[in-house]
Amino acid sequence: MEYVKMIWDFMGESGQNTAEHFEIHLKEFLSREQIPYQEIGTQTPIAQQHSLVYLIVAMPYVDQLRAALKPHRGQKVTL
């Protein structure tokens, strides 16, 4: 099965807090929509004042998630 890592970037002094808060809402959305995922998390800091939230999901869910959540970028991953 193919997987995609969807990424949302958060910049600035409040980037880390915003990323952590977004992760909470992302988990709620996935639970409500009953979308299974492989991994979810935050990486802080990536660079000075740059944090991110990532979600790894199977390829069949990518279009639905991209339309609803508008990730900033994504990449195929191998698990």
N, C-alpha and C. Protein backbone atom coordinates (compact mmCIF):
# COMPACT_ATOMS: atom_id res chain seq x y z
N MET A 1 0.84 -1.18 0.00
CA MET A 1 0.00 0.00 0.00
C MET A 1 0.89 1.24 0.00
N GLU A 2 0.47 2.27 -0.72
CA GLU A 2 1.20 3.54 -0.75
C GLU A 2 0.70 4.45 0.36
N TYR A 3 1.63 5.23 0.92
CA TYR A 3 1.30 6.17 1.99
C TYR A 3 1.82 7.55 1.65
N VAL A 4 1.16 8.56 2.20
CA VAL A 4 1.55 9.94 1.99
C VAL A 4 1.70 10.62 3.34
N LYS A 5 2.75 11.42 3.45
CA LYS A 5 2.96 12.24 4.64
C LYS A 5 2.49 13.65 4.29
N MET A 6 1.38 14.06 4.92
CA MET A 6 0.84 15.40 4.71
C MET A 6 1.43 16.30 5.79
N ILE A 7 1.78 17.53 5.39
CA ILE A 7 2.50 18.42 6.29
C ILE A 7 1.85 19.80 6.31
N TRP A 8 1.68 20.33 7.53
CA TRP A 8 1.20 21.69 7.74
C TRP A 8 2.30 22.45 8.48
N ASP A 9 2.73 23.58 7.94
CA ASP A 9 3.80 24.39 8.52
C ASP A 9 3.21 25.54 9.34
N PHE A 10 3.87 25.84 10.45
CA PHE A 10 3.47 26.96 11.30
C PHE A 10 4.71 27.77 11.64
N MET A 11 4.66 29.06 11.38
CA MET A 11 5.81 29.94 11.54
C MET A 11 5.57 30.96 12.65
N GLY A 12 6.64 31.55 13.12
CA GLY A 12 6.55 32.65 14.07
C GLY A 12 6.70 32.19 15.51
N GLU A 13 6.63 33.16 16.38
CA GLU A 13 6.83 32.90 17.81
C GLU A 13 5.78 31.94 18.37
N SER A 14 4.58 31.99 17.85
CA SER A 14 3.51 31.11 18.34
C SER A 14 3.38 29.84 17.50
N GLY A 15 4.30 29.60 16.60
CA GLY A 15 4.23 28.44 15.70
C GLY A 15 4.14 27.11 16.43
N GLN A 16 4.94 26.95 17.48
CA GLN A 16 4.93 25.69 18.21
C GLN A 16 3.58 25.46 18.88
N ASN A 17 3.06 26.48 19.56
CA ASN A 17 1.76 26.34 20.21
C ASN A 17 0.64 26.09 19.20
N THR A 18 0.70 26.77 18.09
CA THR A 18 -0.31 26.59 17.04
C THR A 18 -0.25 25.18 16.48
N ALA A 19 0.95 24.67 16.24
CA ALA A 19 1.11 23.31 15.72
C ALA A 19 0.55 22.29 16.70
N GLU A 20 0.85 22.44 17.97
CA GLU A 20 0.35 21.51 18.98
C GLU A 20 -1.18 21.57 19.06
N HIS A 21 -1.73 22.74 18.95
CA HIS A 21 -3.20 22.90 18.99
C HIS A 21 -3.83 22.31 17.72
N PHE A 22 -3.22 22.53 16.58
CA PHE A 22 -3.73 21.99 15.33
C PHE A 22 -3.74 20.47 15.37
N GLU A 23 -2.72 19.87 15.98
CA GLU A 23 -2.65 18.41 16.08
C GLU A 23 -3.87 17.86 16.83
N ILE A 24 -4.30 18.53 17.88
CA ILE A 24 -5.48 18.12 18.65
C ILE A 24 -6.71 18.10 17.74
N HIS A 25 -6.91 19.18 16.99
CA HIS A 25 -8.08 19.26 16.10
C HIS A 25 -7.98 18.26 14.95
N LEU A 26 -6.78 18.00 14.48
CA LEU A 26 -6.58 17.02 13.42
C LEU A 26 -7.00 15.63 13.90
N LYS A 27 -6.61 15.27 15.10
CA LYS A 27 -7.00 13.97 15.67
C LYS A 27 -8.52 13.89 15.83
N GLU A 28 -9.14 14.97 16.27
CA GLU A 28 -10.60 15.00 16.41
C GLU A 28 -11.27 14.79 15.05
N PHE A 29 -10.77 15.47 14.02
CA PHE A 29 -11.33 15.34 12.68
C PHE A 29 -11.22 13.90 12.18
N LEU A 30 -10.05 13.31 12.34
CA LEU A 30 -9.84 11.94 11.87
C LEU A 30 -10.76 10.96 12.59
N SER A 31 -10.95 11.17 13.87
CA SER A 31 -11.83 10.31 14.65
C SER A 31 -13.28 10.47 14.20
N ARG A 32 -13.70 11.71 14.04
CA ARG A 32 -15.08 12.00 13.62
C ARG A 32 -15.38 11.42 12.24
N GLU A 33 -14.42 11.54 11.34
CA GLU A 33 -14.61 11.05 9.96
C GLU A 33 -14.25 9.57 9.81
N GLN A 34 -13.78 8.96 10.89
CA GLN A 34 -13.37 7.55 10.91
C GLN A 34 -12.32 7.24 9.84
N ILE A 35 -11.31 8.08 9.79
CA ILE A 35 -10.21 7.91 8.84
C ILE A 35 -9.03 7.32 9.60
N PRO A 36 -8.59 6.13 9.21
CA PRO A 36 -7.44 5.53 9.88
C PRO A 36 -6.15 6.21 9.43
N TYR A 37 -5.17 6.25 10.32
CA TYR A 37 -3.88 6.83 9.96
C TYR A 37 -2.76 6.01 10.57
N GLN A 38 -1.59 6.14 10.00
CA GLN A 38 -0.43 5.39 10.46
C GLN A 38 0.31 6.13 11.57
N GLU A 39 0.43 7.44 11.40
CA GLU A 39 1.20 8.23 12.36
C GLU A 39 0.76 9.69 12.28
N ILE A 40 0.84 10.36 13.42
CA ILE A 40 0.55 11.79 13.48
C ILE A 40 1.47 12.38 14.53
N GLY A 41 1.91 13.60 14.32
CA GLY A 41 2.78 14.21 15.31
C GLY A 41 3.21 15.61 14.93
N THR A 42 4.02 16.21 15.82
CA THR A 42 4.58 17.53 15.57
C THR A 42 6.10 17.42 15.58
N GLN A 43 6.73 18.32 14.88
CA GLN A 43 8.18 18.46 14.91
C GLN A 43 8.47 19.92 15.21
N THR A 44 9.14 20.14 16.34
CA THR A 44 9.36 21.50 16.81
C THR A 44 10.72 21.62 17.45
N PRO A 45 11.49 22.60 17.21
CA PRO A 45 11.43 23.45 16.03
C PRO A 45 12.19 22.81 14.87
N ILE A 46 11.73 23.02 13.69
CA ILE A 46 12.42 22.58 12.49
C ILE A 46 13.58 23.54 12.23
N ALA A 47 13.29 24.78 12.31
CA ALA A 47 14.28 25.85 12.21
C ALA A 47 13.78 26.93 13.16
N GLN A 48 14.52 27.98 13.27
CA GLN A 48 14.09 29.05 14.16
C GLN A 48 12.68 29.49 13.79
N GLN A 49 11.76 29.37 14.73
CA GLN A 49 10.36 29.78 14.57
C GLN A 49 9.64 29.05 13.44
N HIS A 50 9.93 27.77 13.26
CA HIS A 50 9.25 26.95 12.27
C HIS A 50 8.91 25.60 12.90
N SER A 51 7.63 25.32 13.02
CA SER A 51 7.15 24.03 13.54
C SER A 51 6.23 23.42 12.49
N LEU A 52 5.99 22.12 12.61
CA LEU A 52 5.07 21.49 11.67
C LEU A 52 4.29 20.38 12.33
N VAL A 53 3.17 20.05 11.70
CA VAL A 53 2.35 18.90 12.06
C VAL A 53 2.35 17.99 10.85
N TYR A 54 2.50 16.69 11.08
CA TYR A 54 2.47 15.75 9.96
C TYR A 54 1.47 14.64 10.24
N LEU A 55 0.97 14.08 9.16
CA LEU A 55 0.00 12.99 9.20
C LEU A 55 0.37 12.02 8.10
N ILE A 56 0.52 10.74 8.45
CA ILE A 56 0.80 9.71 7.45
C ILE A 56 -0.46 8.87 7.29
N VAL A 57 -0.97 8.86 6.06
CA VAL A 57 -2.20 8.13 5.74
C VAL A 57 -2.02 7.33 4.45
N ALA A 58 -2.90 6.35 4.28
CA ALA A 58 -2.90 5.55 3.06
C ALA A 58 -3.41 6.41 1.89
N MET A 59 -2.91 6.12 0.73
CA MET A 59 -3.21 6.89 -0.47
C MET A 59 -4.72 7.08 -0.75
N PRO A 60 -5.59 6.09 -0.48
CA PRO A 60 -7.01 6.30 -0.79
C PRO A 60 -7.67 7.47 -0.04
N TYR A 61 -7.09 7.92 1.07
CA TYR A 61 -7.67 9.00 1.85
C TYR A 61 -7.12 10.39 1.49
N VAL A 62 -6.12 10.43 0.64
CA VAL A 62 -5.41 11.68 0.37
C VAL A 62 -6.32 12.75 -0.23
N ASP A 63 -7.09 12.42 -1.24
CA ASP A 63 -7.94 13.43 -1.89
C ASP A 63 -8.96 14.02 -0.91
N GLN A 64 -9.58 13.17 -0.11
CA GLN A 64 -10.56 13.63 0.87
C GLN A 64 -9.90 14.57 1.88
N LEU A 65 -8.75 14.19 2.39
CA LEU A 65 -8.05 15.01 3.39
C LEU A 65 -7.50 16.30 2.78
N ARG A 66 -6.99 16.21 1.58
CA ARG A 66 -6.45 17.40 0.93
C ARG A 66 -7.55 18.44 0.71
N ALA A 67 -8.73 18.00 0.30
CA ALA A 67 -9.85 18.92 0.07
C ALA A 67 -10.34 19.54 1.37
N ALA A 68 -10.40 18.75 2.42
CA ALA A 68 -10.96 19.24 3.68
C ALA A 68 -9.96 20.04 4.52
N LEU A 69 -8.68 19.64 4.51
CA LEU A 69 -7.71 20.19 5.45
C LEU A 69 -6.60 21.03 4.82
N LYS A 70 -6.47 20.98 3.52
CA LYS A 70 -5.53 21.82 2.78
C LYS A 70 -4.11 21.84 3.36
N PRO A 71 -3.43 20.68 3.33
CA PRO A 71 -2.04 20.65 3.80
C PRO A 71 -1.16 21.54 2.95
N HIS A 72 -0.08 22.02 3.52
CA HIS A 72 0.84 22.90 2.80
C HIS A 72 1.72 22.13 1.82
N ARG A 73 2.00 20.88 2.15
CA ARG A 73 2.82 20.06 1.27
C ARG A 73 2.64 18.59 1.64
N GLY A 74 3.20 17.73 0.84
CA GLY A 74 3.11 16.30 1.09
C GLY A 74 4.17 15.56 0.33
N GLN A 75 4.38 14.33 0.74
CA GLN A 75 5.36 13.48 0.06
C GLN A 75 5.00 12.02 0.27
N LYS A 76 5.30 11.20 -0.73
CA LYS A 76 5.09 9.77 -0.57
C LYS A 76 6.13 9.22 0.39
N VAL A 77 5.69 8.26 1.21
CA VAL A 77 6.61 7.63 2.16
C VAL A 77 6.45 6.12 2.08
N THR A 78 7.50 5.43 2.48
CA THR A 78 7.49 3.97 2.54
C THR A 78 7.53 3.57 4.01
N LEU A 79 6.61 2.72 4.39
CA LEU A 79 6.57 2.25 5.78
C LEU A 79 7.15 0.86 5.89
